[in-house]
Structure formats: C-alpha cells, structure tokens
Protein backbone atom coordinates (compact mmCIF):
# COMPACT_ATOMS: atom_id res chain seq x y z
CA MET A 1 14.44 -6.59 -20.62
CA SER A 2 12.07 -9.51 -21.05
CA GLU A 3 9.48 -10.78 -18.59
CA ALA A 4 11.58 -13.90 -17.92
CA ALA A 5 14.69 -11.80 -17.23
CA LEU A 6 12.80 -9.63 -14.73
CA ARG A 7 11.37 -12.71 -13.05
CA HIS A 8 14.83 -14.27 -12.68
CA LEU A 9 16.25 -10.99 -11.40
CA ARG A 10 13.54 -10.79 -8.71
CA ARG A 11 14.41 -14.31 -7.62
CA ARG A 12 18.12 -13.48 -7.34
CA VAL A 13 17.62 -10.27 -5.42
CA THR A 14 16.76 -11.00 -1.81
CA ALA A 15 14.54 -8.96 0.47
CA ALA A 16 17.53 -7.15 1.98
CA PRO A 17 17.72 -4.30 -0.61
CA LEU A 18 13.98 -3.69 -0.35
CA LYS A 19 14.18 -3.66 3.44
CA ALA A 20 17.04 -1.16 3.28
CA LEU A 21 15.02 1.02 0.91
CA PHE A 22 11.97 0.83 3.18
CA ASP A 23 14.05 1.67 6.28
CA THR A 24 15.50 4.67 4.45
CA LEU A 25 12.24 6.06 3.09
CA ALA A 26 9.66 5.08 5.73
CA VAL A 27 10.53 7.67 8.32
CA THR A 28 8.32 9.83 10.48
CA LEU A 29 7.92 13.38 9.25
CA VAL A 30 7.04 14.95 12.59
CA PRO A 31 8.28 14.41 16.15
CA PRO A 32 6.18 12.05 18.33
CA GLN A 33 5.30 14.98 20.65
CA THR A 34 3.32 16.75 17.91
CA PRO A 35 -0.40 16.93 18.83
CA GLY A 36 -2.56 14.55 16.82
CA VAL A 37 0.29 12.25 15.82
CA SER A 38 -0.55 9.52 18.30
CA TYR A 39 -3.50 8.10 20.15
CA ARG A 40 -2.86 6.21 23.39
CA ARG A 41 0.82 5.72 22.52
CA ARG A 42 -0.05 4.43 19.03
CA ARG A 43 1.02 6.26 15.88
CA THR A 44 -1.98 7.37 13.82
CA VAL A 45 -1.98 6.91 10.06
CA ALA A 46 -4.52 7.26 7.29
CA PHE A 47 -4.81 5.57 3.92
CA ASP A 48 -7.03 6.98 1.22
CA GLY A 49 -6.90 4.30 -1.42
CA CYS A 50 -10.42 2.92 -1.33
CA SER A 51 -11.62 4.94 -4.31
CA SER A 52 -8.89 3.42 -6.48
CA ILE A 53 -9.98 -0.19 -6.00
CA LYS A 54 -10.89 -1.76 -9.32
CA THR A 55 -12.66 -5.11 -9.40
CA PRO A 56 -14.62 -7.01 -12.02
CA ASP A 57 -18.34 -6.36 -11.98
CA SER A 58 -19.17 -10.01 -11.30
CA GLU A 59 -21.74 -11.63 -9.03
CA ARG A 60 -19.00 -12.92 -6.72
CA ALA A 61 -17.41 -9.46 -6.36
CA ARG A 62 -20.81 -7.83 -5.72
CA CYS A 63 -21.55 -10.38 -2.97
CA ARG A 64 -18.27 -9.61 -1.22
CA LEU A 65 -17.92 -5.88 -1.86
CA GLY A 66 -21.34 -4.58 -2.76
CA LYS A 67 -21.98 -2.56 -5.89
CA ILE A 68 -18.84 -0.68 -6.88
CA ARG A 69 -19.34 2.81 -8.25
CA TYR A 70 -16.34 4.44 -9.86
CA ARG A 71 -15.88 8.15 -9.50
CA LEU A 72 -14.59 10.20 -12.39
CA ALA A 73 -11.65 12.37 -11.43
C-alpha cells in the first residue's frame, strides 16, 4: 500500500474505531480498592518513556531540554 493510499484511508476512517479500540484495551487491571492504586480518589499512573526521547543535538533543543545523553541498552 502506498503512502497516499494510507493517507486517504486515515481520512476516511473516523475516530470511532480508534475510540472503540481504546475503550476495549484501556481497562484497569486491578480493583480500585487495591492499596496504592489511588491517591486522594485519583488513579495513580506512571510513564517511563523519558529515556526514549530522541531529539536533534541543536542549540535550540539544548536551550529547551538541556544536554541530552542517550543511554545504551
């Protein structure tokens, strides 16, 4: 499938299928009563994606983000 075909397909498909997929897959794995799951009636979550950020080593990026150091896995 070409780039243009994929682009046209994305335009034809509305957000409804993606919302249905999200509603199906984005479920809680533990009951709300489980200790450590919430803080003051708010669900706690954690994202560990900061080490995967890739940005050009340019002056503008360094001003905004500081010096980026990549870790080798």
